[in-house]
Amino acid sequence: MKEKEFISIIKDALNSDYIGDDCAYLKDLGIVVSQDSLVEDVHFKRNLITPFQLGYKSIMVNISDICASGGECVYLTVSLSLPENVDSNFVKDFYKGANKACGQNIKIVGGDITGSGKIFISICAIGKTAGRNISSRANAQVGQKIIVSGVHGSSSAGLRLLPNGNAKLIKSHLEPKAQIEFASKISKTVKEKYAMMDTSDGLMDALSTIANESKVMLDIDFDKIPYDKEIVQFKDWKDLVLFGGEDYQIVATVPQDYDSGIVIGYVKEGLGVNLSGQYFSKEDVEKKLFNHFGGAQ
């Protein structure tokens, strides 16, 4: 059973209006809240990432979720479960990396630490929403254009090249950057309903999710999707662009007069994703996505 199936079951069991987007928008409190977990040997291998990089990445992926909602990340709590063979230097370096990812405007305000068989990281991120139009993956409107913030495929290419391959691609995987300014501009200037997600689980995952939640067709021109030319060394580089995860770019549907971002397509009547003439249903896309219940690559 895949992650999306579990989420659907949980949403139905709770009869919840909040579950579905990466962030819960608590309008009465004026905040968005997200929680994400990273598990050793599922999301990372300890011998292929430094404690500093792990701390940095753990924070950055949660900041990205808040950005993708349209909110501004302000606070985080961090829970660490650690095996006995992890020493104090690991904890020190982990939090140094976490602190770097936070920058000047985001604060870690608490959390928990406990023992476990493997490293388990769980982070709660809280963002404020004042002066922002909060997105939903169910809000794409027919006639809007589809934009992305940057290149796709670099992180999954970097993963394949660990530990001693192309430094730029490896850095894309180990030290991603949340697209804070890109998402912030959209949420502050777009007045109509719009959809926005990060591409943590791959570009096609985000496109398919928006299409199916909004009940529209996303018509995409593959040749318009930006990617680093270094990834063409892989025979399946097009799959890396489409299905490779952890690029943490932003994909959004915005009015046609919006003036930022790289346009890759348009929102039309229908359902699913039309990629340069090839139709992808929800099931087609989910067959090729990363399995969060499997092992790290």
C-alpha atoms as a PDB file:
ATOM      1  CA  MET A   1       0.000   0.000   0.000  1.00  0.00           C
ATOM      2  CA  LYS A   2       1.334   3.450  -0.937  1.00  0.00           C
ATOM      3  CA  GLU A   3       1.525   6.655   1.107  1.00  0.00           C
ATOM      4  CA  LYS A   4      -1.371   8.306  -0.755  1.00  0.00           C
ATOM      5  CA  GLU A   5      -3.658   5.381   0.008  1.00  0.00           C
ATOM      6  CA  PHE A   6      -2.898   5.664   3.720  1.00  0.00           C
ATOM      7  CA  ILE A   7      -3.556   9.412   3.640  1.00  0.00           C
ATOM      8  CA  SER A   8      -6.923   8.840   1.971  1.00  0.00           C
ATOM      9  CA  ILE A   9      -7.864   6.248   4.618  1.00  0.00           C
ATOM     10  CA  ILE A  10      -6.832   8.587   7.450  1.00  0.00           C
ATOM     11  CA  LYS A  11      -8.753  11.511   5.952  1.00  0.00           C
ATOM     12  CA  ASP A  12     -11.896   9.381   5.646  1.00  0.00           C
ATOM     13  CA  ALA A  13     -11.517   7.928   9.151  1.00  0.00           C
ATOM     14  CA  LEU A  14     -11.205  11.385  10.699  1.00  0.00           C
ATOM     15  CA  ASN A  15     -13.726  13.039   8.361  1.00  0.00           C
ATOM     16  CA  SER A  16     -11.223  15.906   8.226  1.00  0.00           C
ATOM     17  CA  ASP A  17     -11.236  19.004   6.031  1.00  0.00           C
ATOM     18  CA  TYR A  18      -7.609  19.741   6.970  1.00  0.00           C
ATOM     19  CA  ILE A  19      -5.850  16.619   5.714  1.00  0.00           C
ATOM     20  CA  GLY A  20      -4.767  16.537   2.070  1.00  0.00           C
ATOM     21  CA  ASP A  21      -2.379  19.444   1.527  1.00  0.00           C
ATOM     22  CA  ASP A  22       1.194  19.314   2.840  1.00  0.00           C
ATOM     23  CA  CYS A  23       0.196  22.003   5.367  1.00  0.00           C
ATOM     24  CA  ALA A  24      -2.937  22.360   7.456  1.00  0.00           C
ATOM     25  CA  TYR A  25      -4.294  25.909   7.133  1.00  0.00           C
ATOM     26  CA  LEU A  26      -5.726  26.863  10.534  1.00  0.00           C
ATOM     27  CA  LYS A  27      -7.491  30.031   9.446  1.00  0.00           C
ATOM     28  CA  ASP A  28      -8.870  30.798  12.902  1.00  0.00           C
ATOM     29  CA  LEU A  29      -5.314  30.916  14.286  1.00  0.00           C
ATOM     30  CA  GLY A  30      -3.745  32.552  11.233  1.00  0.00           C
ATOM     31  CA  ILE A  31      -1.154  29.811  10.816  1.00  0.00           C
ATOM     32  CA  VAL A  32      -0.176  26.877   8.632  1.00  0.00           C
ATOM     33  CA  VAL A  33       1.281  23.731  10.224  1.00  0.00           C
ATOM     34  CA  SER A  34       3.240  20.881   8.677  1.00  0.00           C
ATOM     35  CA  GLN A  35       5.057  17.819   9.982  1.00  0.00           C
ATOM     36  CA  ASP A  36       7.588  15.696   8.142  1.00  0.00           C
ATOM     37  CA  SER A  37       9.786  12.738   9.042  1.00  0.00           C
ATOM     38  CA  LEU A  38      13.093  11.359   7.780  1.00  0.00           C
ATOM     39  CA  VAL A  39      13.999   7.764   8.578  1.00  0.00           C
ATOM     40  CA  GLU A  40      17.438   6.180   8.282  1.00  0.00           C
ATOM     41  CA  ASP A  41      17.658   3.665   5.415  1.00  0.00           C
ATOM     42  CA  VAL A  42      14.363   4.924   3.982  1.00  0.00           C
ATOM     43  CA  HIS A  43      15.171   8.591   3.261  1.00  0.00           C
ATOM     44  CA  PHE A  44      18.931   8.636   3.823  1.00  0.00           C
ATOM     45  CA  LYS A  45      21.993   6.449   4.394  1.00  0.00           C
ATOM     46  CA  ARG A  46      24.148   7.534   7.321  1.00  0.00           C
ATOM     47  CA  ASN A  47      27.398   6.863   5.472  1.00  0.00           C
ATOM     48  CA  LEU A  48      26.374   9.096   2.544  1.00  0.00           C
ATOM     49  CA  ILE A  49      25.407  12.269   4.419  1.00  0.00           C
ATOM     50  CA  THR A  50      27.167  14.198   7.188  1.00  0.00           C
ATOM     51  CA  PRO A  51      25.338  15.082  10.413  1.00  0.00           C
ATOM     52  CA  PHE A  52      25.555  18.767   9.415  1.00  0.00           C
ATOM     53  CA  GLN A  53      23.975  18.058   6.021  1.00  0.00           C
ATOM     54  CA  LEU A  54      21.299  15.884   7.622  1.00  0.00           C
ATOM     55  CA  GLY A  55      20.339  18.643  10.033  1.00  0.00           C
ATOM     56  CA  TYR A  56      20.310  21.209   7.243  1.00  0.00           C
ATOM     57  CA  LYS A  57      18.220  19.073   4.894  1.00  0.00           C
ATOM     58  CA  SER A  58      15.769  18.006   7.607  1.00  0.00           C
ATOM     59  CA  ILE A  59      14.923  21.634   8.316  1.00  0.00           C
ATOM     60  CA  MET A  60      14.915  22.791   4.709  1.00  0.00           C
ATOM     61  CA  VAL A  61      12.390  20.209   3.541  1.00  0.00           C
ATOM     62  CA  ASN A  62       9.971  21.375   6.229  1.00  0.00           C
ATOM     63  CA  ILE A  63      10.480  25.032   5.370  1.00  0.00           C
ATOM     64  CA  SER A  64       9.677  24.051   1.779  1.00  0.00           C
ATOM     65  CA  ASP A  65       6.275  22.668   2.823  1.00  0.00           C
ATOM     66  CA  ILE A  66       5.372  25.950   4.510  1.00  0.00           C
ATOM     67  CA  CYS A  67       6.536  27.892   1.448  1.00  0.00           C
ATOM     68  CA  ALA A  68       4.405  25.731  -0.833  1.00  0.00           C
ATOM     69  CA  SER A  69       1.325  26.623   1.199  1.00  0.00           C
ATOM     70  CA  GLY A  70       2.025  30.315   0.680  1.00  0.00           C
ATOM     71  CA  GLY A  71       2.871  30.843   4.354  1.00  0.00           C
ATOM     72  CA  GLU A  72       5.999  32.225   6.000  1.00  0.00           C
ATOM     73  CA  CYS A  73       7.846  29.733   8.194  1.00  0.00           C
ATOM     74  CA  VAL A  74       8.626  31.167  11.647  1.00  0.00           C
ATOM     75  CA  TYR A  75       8.945  28.305  14.161  1.00  0.00           C
ATOM     76  CA  LEU A  76      10.060  24.661  14.204  1.00  0.00           C
ATOM     77  CA  THR A  77      10.177  21.854  16.734  1.00  0.00           C
ATOM     78  CA  VAL A  78      12.606  18.973  16.226  1.00  0.00           C
ATOM     79  CA  SER A  79      12.304  15.445  17.589  1.00  0.00           C
ATOM     80  CA  LEU A  80      15.287  13.114  17.305  1.00  0.00           C
ATOM     81  CA  SER A  81      15.311   9.385  17.963  1.00  0.00           C
ATOM     82  CA  LEU A  82      18.886   8.097  18.059  1.00  0.00           C
ATOM     83  CA  PRO A  83      20.620   4.707  18.399  1.00  0.00           C
ATOM     84  CA  GLU A  84      23.264   4.136  21.081  1.00  0.00           C
ATOM     85  CA  ASN A  85      26.171   4.444  18.631  1.00  0.00           C
ATOM     86  CA  VAL A  86      25.364   8.105  17.896  1.00  0.00           C
ATOM     87  CA  ASP A  87      27.594  10.438  19.927  1.00  0.00           C
ATOM     88  CA  SER A  88      27.422  14.045  21.078  1.00  0.00           C
ATOM     89  CA  ASN A  89      29.378  15.253  18.034  1.00  0.00           C
ATOM     90  CA  PHE A  90      26.574  13.999  15.792  1.00  0.00           C
ATOM     91  CA  VAL A  91      23.991  15.960  17.782  1.00  0.00           C
ATOM     92  CA  LYS A  92      26.146  19.098  17.804  1.00  0.00           C
ATOM     93  CA  ASP A  93      26.786  19.002  14.059  1.00  0.00           C
ATOM     94  CA  PHE A  94      23.150  18.115  13.293  1.00  0.00           C
ATOM     95  CA  TYR A  95      21.926  21.232  15.076  1.00  0.00           C
ATOM     96  CA  LYS A  96      24.609  23.391  13.489  1.00  0.00           C
ATOM     97  CA  GLY A  97      23.262  22.328  10.093  1.00  0.00           C
ATOM     98  CA  ALA A  98      19.700  22.857  11.259  1.00  0.00           C
ATOM     99  CA  ASN A  99      20.553  26.337  12.488  1.00  0.00           C
ATOM    100  CA  LYS A 100      22.147  27.246   9.159  1.00  0.00           C
ATOM    101  CA  ALA A 101      18.991  26.177   7.314  1.00  0.00           C
ATOM    102  CA  CYS A 102      16.877  28.364   9.626  1.00  0.00           C
ATOM    103  CA  GLY A 103      18.811  31.523   8.795  1.00  0.00           C
ATOM    104  CA  GLN A 104      17.959  34.709  10.671  1.00  0.00           C
ATOM    105  CA  ASN A 105      14.152  34.606  10.620  1.00  0.00           C
ATOM    106  CA  ILE A 106      13.204  31.051  11.640  1.00  0.00           C
ATOM    107  CA  LYS A 107      13.646  29.647  15.147  1.00  0.00           C
ATOM    108  CA  ILE A 108      13.799  26.127  16.553  1.00  0.00           C
ATOM    109  CA  VAL A 109      11.742  26.426  19.750  1.00  0.00           C
ATOM    110  CA  GLY A 110      11.649  22.898  21.164  1.00  0.00           C
ATOM    111  CA  GLY A 111      11.247  19.211  20.442  1.00  0.00           C
ATOM    112  CA  ASP A 112      12.161  15.860  21.938  1.00  0.00           C
ATOM    113  CA  ILE A 113      15.040  13.402  22.016  1.00  0.00           C
ATOM    114  CA  THR A 114      14.837   9.676  22.682  1.00  0.00           C
ATOM    115  CA  GLY A 115      16.479   6.353  21.865  1.00  0.00           C
ATOM    116  CA  SER A 116      15.715   4.087  18.910  1.00  0.00           C
ATOM    117  CA  GLY A 117      17.190   1.378  16.697  1.00  0.00           C
ATOM    118  CA  LYS A 118      17.878   3.809  13.841  1.00  0.00           C
ATOM    119  CA  ILE A 119      17.974   7.571  13.361  1.00  0.00           C
ATOM    120  CA  PHE A 120      14.466   8.980  13.140  1.00  0.00           C
ATOM    121  CA  ILE A 121      13.816  12.707  12.653  1.00  0.00           C
ATOM    122  CA  SER A 122      10.402  14.320  12.999  1.00  0.00           C
ATOM    123  CA  ILE A 123       9.916  18.064  12.542  1.00  0.00           C
ATOM    124  CA  CYS A 124       6.883  20.284  13.005  1.00  0.00           C
ATOM    125  CA  ALA A 125       6.920  23.582  11.109  1.00  0.00           C
ATOM    126  CA  ILE A 126       4.646  26.543  11.827  1.00  0.00           C
ATOM    127  CA  GLY A 127       4.106  29.442   9.447  1.00  0.00           C
ATOM    128  CA  LYS A 128       2.174  32.685   9.613  1.00  0.00           C
ATOM    129  CA  THR A 129      -0.319  33.678   6.940  1.00  0.00           C
ATOM    130  CA  ALA A 130      -0.987  37.407   7.449  1.00  0.00           C
ATOM    131  CA  GLY A 131      -1.039  39.309   4.148  1.00  0.00           C
ATOM    132  CA  ARG A 132      -0.856  36.110   2.100  1.00  0.00           C
ATOM    133  CA  ASN A 133      -3.275  34.184  -0.097  1.00  0.00           C
ATOM    134  CA  ILE A 134      -2.867  30.565   1.065  1.00  0.00           C
ATOM    135  CA  SER A 135      -2.800  27.946  -1.687  1.00  0.00           C
ATOM    136  CA  SER A 136      -4.412  24.546  -1.995  1.00  0.00           C
ATOM    137  CA  ARG A 137      -3.631  21.758  -4.417  1.00  0.00           C
ATOM    138  CA  ALA A 138      -7.400  21.706  -5.124  1.00  0.00           C
ATOM    139  CA  ASN A 139      -7.493  25.338  -6.315  1.00  0.00           C
ATOM    140  CA  ALA A 140      -6.124  25.207  -9.892  1.00  0.00           C
ATOM    141  CA  GLN A 141      -8.375  27.211 -12.241  1.00  0.00           C
ATOM    142  CA  VAL A 142      -8.985  26.554 -15.947  1.00  0.00           C
ATOM    143  CA  GLY A 143      -7.142  29.210 -17.946  1.00  0.00           C
ATOM    144  CA  GLN A 144      -4.269  29.628 -15.504  1.00  0.00           C
ATOM    145  CA  LYS A 145      -0.700  29.007 -16.615  1.00  0.00           C
ATOM    146  CA  ILE A 146       1.607  26.541 -14.892  1.00  0.00           C
ATOM    147  CA  ILE A 147       4.986  27.770 -13.680  1.00  0.00           C
ATOM    148  CA  VAL A 148       8.000  26.240 -11.945  1.00  0.00           C
ATOM    149  CA  SER A 149      10.780  27.899  -9.973  1.00  0.00           C
ATOM    150  CA  GLY A 150      13.784  26.022 -11.361  1.00  0.00           C
ATOM    151  CA  VAL A 151      15.473  22.860 -12.621  1.00  0.00           C
ATOM    152  CA  HIS A 152      14.274  19.297 -12.056  1.00  0.00           C
ATOM    153  CA  GLY A 153      16.152  15.992 -11.939  1.00  0.00           C
ATOM    154  CA  SER A 154      19.305  17.300 -10.256  1.00  0.00           C
ATOM    155  CA  SER A 155      18.685  15.825  -6.816  1.00  0.00           C
ATOM    156  CA  SER A 156      17.926  12.301  -8.027  1.00  0.00           C
ATOM    157  CA  ALA A 157      20.956  12.493 -10.342  1.00  0.00           C
ATOM    158  CA  GLY A 158      23.063  13.606  -7.366  1.00  0.00           C
ATOM    159  CA  LEU A 159      21.785  10.651  -5.333  1.00  0.00           C
ATOM    160  CA  ARG A 160      23.006   8.251  -8.000  1.00  0.00           C
ATOM    161  CA  LEU A 161      26.425   9.897  -8.031  1.00  0.00           C
ATOM    162  CA  LEU A 162      27.064   9.680  -4.277  1.00  0.00           C
ATOM    163  CA  PRO A 163      29.592   9.859  -2.785  1.00  0.00           C
ATOM    164  CA  ASN A 164      32.172  11.087  -5.324  1.00  0.00           C
ATOM    165  CA  GLY A 165      30.377  12.297  -8.439  1.00  0.00           C
ATOM    166  CA  ASN A 166      29.452  15.715  -9.820  1.00  0.00           C
ATOM    167  CA  ALA A 167      29.688  18.102  -6.856  1.00  0.00           C
ATOM    168  CA  LYS A 168      26.928  20.424  -8.063  1.00  0.00           C
ATOM    169  CA  LEU A 169      24.415  17.597  -8.502  1.00  0.00           C
ATOM    170  CA  ILE A 170      25.364  15.968  -5.194  1.00  0.00           C
ATOM    171  CA  LYS A 171      24.904  19.298  -3.424  1.00  0.00           C
ATOM    172  CA  SER A 172      21.442  19.569  -4.987  1.00  0.00           C
ATOM    173  CA  HIS A 173      20.570  16.313  -3.240  1.00  0.00           C
ATOM    174  CA  LEU A 174      22.273  16.834   0.119  1.00  0.00           C
ATOM    175  CA  GLU A 175      21.728  20.582   0.535  1.00  0.00           C
ATOM    176  CA  PRO A 176      18.451  21.581  -1.145  1.00  0.00           C
ATOM    177  CA  LYS A 177      17.056  25.098  -0.839  1.00  0.00           C
ATOM    178  CA  ALA A 178      13.434  25.953  -0.208  1.00  0.00           C
ATOM    179  CA  GLN A 179      12.113  28.444  -2.755  1.00  0.00           C
ATOM    180  CA  ILE A 180      11.116  31.028  -0.158  1.00  0.00           C
ATOM    181  CA  GLU A 181      11.130  34.200  -2.267  1.00  0.00           C
ATOM    182  CA  PHE A 182       9.457  32.546  -5.274  1.00  0.00           C
ATOM    183  CA  ALA A 183       6.541  31.192  -3.232  1.00  0.00           C
ATOM    184  CA  SER A 184       6.249  34.331  -1.134  1.00  0.00           C
ATOM    185  CA  LYS A 185       5.780  36.557  -4.178  1.00  0.00           C
ATOM    186  CA  ILE A 186       2.972  34.343  -5.465  1.00  0.00           C
ATOM    187  CA  SER A 187       1.100  34.284  -2.163  1.00  0.00           C
ATOM    188  CA  LYS A 188       1.435  38.040  -1.713  1.00  0.00           C
ATOM    189  CA  THR A 189       0.405  39.089  -5.231  1.00  0.00           C
ATOM    190  CA  VAL A 190      -2.017  36.477  -6.635  1.00  0.00           C
ATOM    191  CA  LYS A 191      -5.543  37.357  -5.492  1.00  0.00           C
ATOM    192  CA  GLU A 192      -7.567  34.551  -7.101  1.00  0.00           C
ATOM    193  CA  LYS A 193      -7.563  30.894  -6.074  1.00  0.00           C
ATOM    194  CA  TYR A 194      -4.406  29.069  -7.153  1.00  0.00           C
ATOM    195  CA  ALA A 195      -2.652  25.753  -6.573  1.00  0.00           C
ATOM    196  CA  MET A 196       0.949  25.413  -5.398  1.00  0.00           C
ATOM    197  CA  MET A 197       3.133  22.486  -4.294  1.00  0.00           C
ATOM    198  CA  ASP A 198       6.793  21.756  -3.892  1.00  0.00           C
ATOM    199  CA  THR A 199       8.312  18.954  -5.942  1.00  0.00           C
ATOM    200  CA  SER A 200       9.611  16.919  -3.002  1.00  0.00           C
ATOM    201  CA  ASP A 201       8.131  13.725  -4.481  1.00  0.00           C
ATOM    202  CA  GLY A 202       8.833  14.673  -8.088  1.00  0.00           C
ATOM    203  CA  LEU A 203       7.466  17.115 -10.641  1.00  0.00           C
ATOM    204  CA  MET A 204       4.948  14.658 -12.060  1.00  0.00           C
ATOM    205  CA  ASP A 205       3.671  13.859  -8.574  1.00  0.00           C
ATOM    206  CA  ALA A 206       2.952  17.546  -7.980  1.00  0.00           C
ATOM    207  CA  LEU A 207       1.345  18.003 -11.399  1.00  0.00           C
ATOM    208  CA  SER A 208      -0.789  14.867 -11.064  1.00  0.00           C
ATOM    209  CA  THR A 209      -1.844  15.725  -7.515  1.00  0.00           C
ATOM    210  CA  ILE A 210      -2.899  19.251  -8.488  1.00  0.00           C
ATOM    211  CA  ALA A 211      -4.733  17.964 -11.564  1.00  0.00           C
ATOM    212  CA  ASN A 212      -6.679  15.310  -9.698  1.00  0.00           C
ATOM    213  CA  GLU A 213      -7.422  17.349  -6.574  1.00  0.00           C
ATOM    214  CA  SER A 214      -8.551  20.321  -8.715  1.00  0.00           C
ATOM    215  CA  LYS A 215     -10.342  18.077 -11.251  1.00  0.00           C
ATOM    216  CA  VAL A 216      -8.609  19.680 -14.228  1.00  0.00           C
ATOM    217  CA  MET A 217      -6.173  18.771 -16.989  1.00  0.00           C
ATOM    218  CA  LEU A 218      -2.626  20.108 -16.788  1.00  0.00           C
ATOM    219  CA  ASP A 219      -1.272  20.433 -20.333  1.00  0.00           C
ATOM    220  CA  ILE A 220       2.543  20.361 -20.103  1.00  0.00           C
ATOM    221  CA  ASP A 221       5.256  20.900 -22.722  1.00  0.00           C
ATOM    222  CA  PHE A 222       8.231  18.734 -21.680  1.00  0.00           C
ATOM    223  CA  ASP A 223      10.627  20.902 -23.694  1.00  0.00           C
ATOM    224  CA  LYS A 224       9.750  23.871 -21.462  1.00  0.00           C
ATOM    225  CA  ILE A 225      10.741  22.089 -18.232  1.00  0.00           C
ATOM    226  CA  PRO A 226      14.167  23.353 -17.048  1.00  0.00           C
ATOM    227  CA  TYR A 227      16.900  20.857 -16.131  1.00  0.00           C
ATOM    228  CA  ASP A 228      20.673  20.827 -15.642  1.00  0.00           C
ATOM    229  CA  LYS A 229      22.387  19.554 -18.813  1.00  0.00           C
ATOM    230  CA  GLU A 230      24.714  17.461 -16.633  1.00  0.00           C
ATOM    231  CA  ILE A 231      21.937  14.922 -16.036  1.00  0.00           C
ATOM    232  CA  VAL A 232      21.784  13.798 -19.678  1.00  0.00           C
ATOM    233  CA  GLN A 233      24.678  11.433 -18.833  1.00  0.00           C
ATOM    234  CA  PHE A 234      21.938   9.080 -17.600  1.00  0.00           C
ATOM    235  CA  LYS A 235      19.962   7.150 -20.215  1.00  0.00           C
ATOM    236  CA  ASP A 236      16.759   7.711 -18.259  1.00  0.00           C
ATOM    237  CA  TRP A 237      17.388  11.408 -17.638  1.00  0.00           C
ATOM    238  CA  LYS A 238      13.864  12.325 -18.741  1.00  0.00           C
ATOM    239  CA  ASP A 239      12.486  10.115 -15.978  1.00  0.00           C
ATOM    240  CA  LEU A 240      14.765  11.922 -13.519  1.00  0.00           C
ATOM    241  CA  VAL A 241      13.276  15.244 -14.635  1.00  0.00           C
ATOM    242  CA  LEU A 242       9.706  13.994 -14.302  1.00  0.00           C
ATOM    243  CA  PHE A 243       9.774  11.480 -11.452  1.00  0.00           C
ATOM    244  CA  GLY A 244      12.988  12.188  -9.558  1.00  0.00           C
ATOM    245  CA  GLY A 245      12.160  13.653  -6.157  1.00  0.00           C
ATOM    246  CA  GLU A 246      13.741  16.026  -3.652  1.00  0.00           C
ATOM    247  CA  ASP A 247      14.402  18.977  -5.946  1.00  0.00           C
ATOM    248  CA  TYR A 248      12.180  21.112  -3.687  1.00  0.00           C
ATOM    249  CA  GLN A 249      11.266  23.447  -6.501  1.00  0.00           C
ATOM    250  CA  ILE A 250       7.818  25.037  -6.629  1.00  0.00           C
ATOM    251  CA  VAL A 251       5.101  24.332  -9.191  1.00  0.00           C
ATOM    252  CA  ALA A 252       2.097  26.660  -9.227  1.00  0.00           C
ATOM    253  CA  THR A 253      -0.933  27.552 -11.318  1.00  0.00           C
ATOM    254  CA  VAL A 254      -1.189  31.336 -11.614  1.00  0.00           C
ATOM    255  CA  PRO A 255      -3.070  33.959 -13.679  1.00  0.00           C
ATOM    256  CA  GLN A 256      -1.724  34.465 -17.195  1.00  0.00           C
ATOM    257  CA  ASP A 257      -0.619  38.024 -16.378  1.00  0.00           C
ATOM    258  CA  TYR A 258       1.591  36.890 -13.478  1.00  0.00           C
ATOM    259  CA  ASP A 259       5.130  37.916 -14.399  1.00  0.00           C
ATOM    260  CA  SER A 260       7.520  35.457 -12.684  1.00  0.00           C
ATOM    261  CA  GLY A 261       8.502  31.830 -13.069  1.00  0.00           C
ATOM    262  CA  ILE A 262       9.156  29.480 -15.978  1.00  0.00           C
ATOM    263  CA  VAL A 263       5.976  28.632 -17.889  1.00  0.00           C
ATOM    264  CA  ILE A 264       5.673  24.909 -18.673  1.00  0.00           C
ATOM    265  CA  GLY A 265       1.981  24.624 -19.545  1.00  0.00           C
ATOM    266  CA  TYR A 266      -1.646  25.599 -18.965  1.00  0.00           C
ATOM    267  CA  VAL A 267      -4.668  24.457 -16.963  1.00  0.00           C
ATOM    268  CA  LYS A 268      -7.451  23.110 -19.182  1.00  0.00           C
ATOM    269  CA  GLU A 269     -10.751  21.269 -18.932  1.00  0.00           C
ATOM    270  CA  GLY A 270     -10.376  17.530 -18.317  1.00  0.00           C
ATOM    271  CA  LEU A 271      -8.584  15.379 -15.746  1.00  0.00           C
ATOM    272  CA  GLY A 272      -4.961  14.280 -15.390  1.00  0.00           C
ATOM    273  CA  VAL A 273      -1.716  15.359 -17.035  1.00  0.00           C
ATOM    274  CA  ASN A 274      -1.124  15.686 -20.773  1.00  0.00           C
ATOM    275  CA  LEU A 275       2.646  15.694 -21.270  1.00  0.00           C
ATOM    276  CA  SER A 276       3.537  16.697 -24.827  1.00  0.00           C
ATOM    277  CA  GLY A 277       0.693  14.588 -26.175  1.00  0.00           C
ATOM    278  CA  GLN A 278       1.085  11.641 -23.773  1.00  0.00           C
ATOM    279  CA  TYR A 279      -1.710  11.242 -21.215  1.00  0.00           C
ATOM    280  CA  PHE A 280      -0.892  10.323 -17.612  1.00  0.00           C
ATOM    281  CA  SER A 281      -3.629   9.250 -15.220  1.00  0.00           C
ATOM    282  CA  LYS A 282      -3.208   9.356 -11.440  1.00  0.00           C
ATOM    283  CA  GLU A 283      -2.454   5.603 -11.496  1.00  0.00           C
ATOM    284  CA  ASP A 284       0.162   6.002 -14.268  1.00  0.00           C
ATOM    285  CA  VAL A 285       2.079   8.525 -12.178  1.00  0.00           C
ATOM    286  CA  GLU A 286       1.846   6.706  -8.850  1.00  0.00           C
ATOM    287  CA  LYS A 287       3.404   3.555 -10.338  1.00  0.00           C
ATOM    288  CA  LYS A 288       6.686   5.439 -10.833  1.00  0.00           C
ATOM    289  CA  LEU A 289       6.892   7.403  -7.591  1.00  0.00           C
ATOM    290  CA  PHE A 290       9.283   6.869  -4.676  1.00  0.00           C
ATOM    291  CA  ASN A 291       7.930   4.402  -2.103  1.00  0.00           C
ATOM    292  CA  HIS A 292       8.189   5.894   1.403  1.00  0.00           C
ATOM    293  CA  PHE A 293       7.641   2.422   2.843  1.00  0.00           C
ATOM    294  CA  GLY A 294      10.652   0.946   1.036  1.00  0.00           C
ATOM    295  CA  GLY A 295      14.376   1.425   1.523  1.00  0.00           C
ATOM    296  CA  ALA A 296      16.716   4.281   0.639  1.00  0.00           C
ATOM    297  CA  GLN A 297      18.255   3.988  -2.791  1.00  0.00           C
END
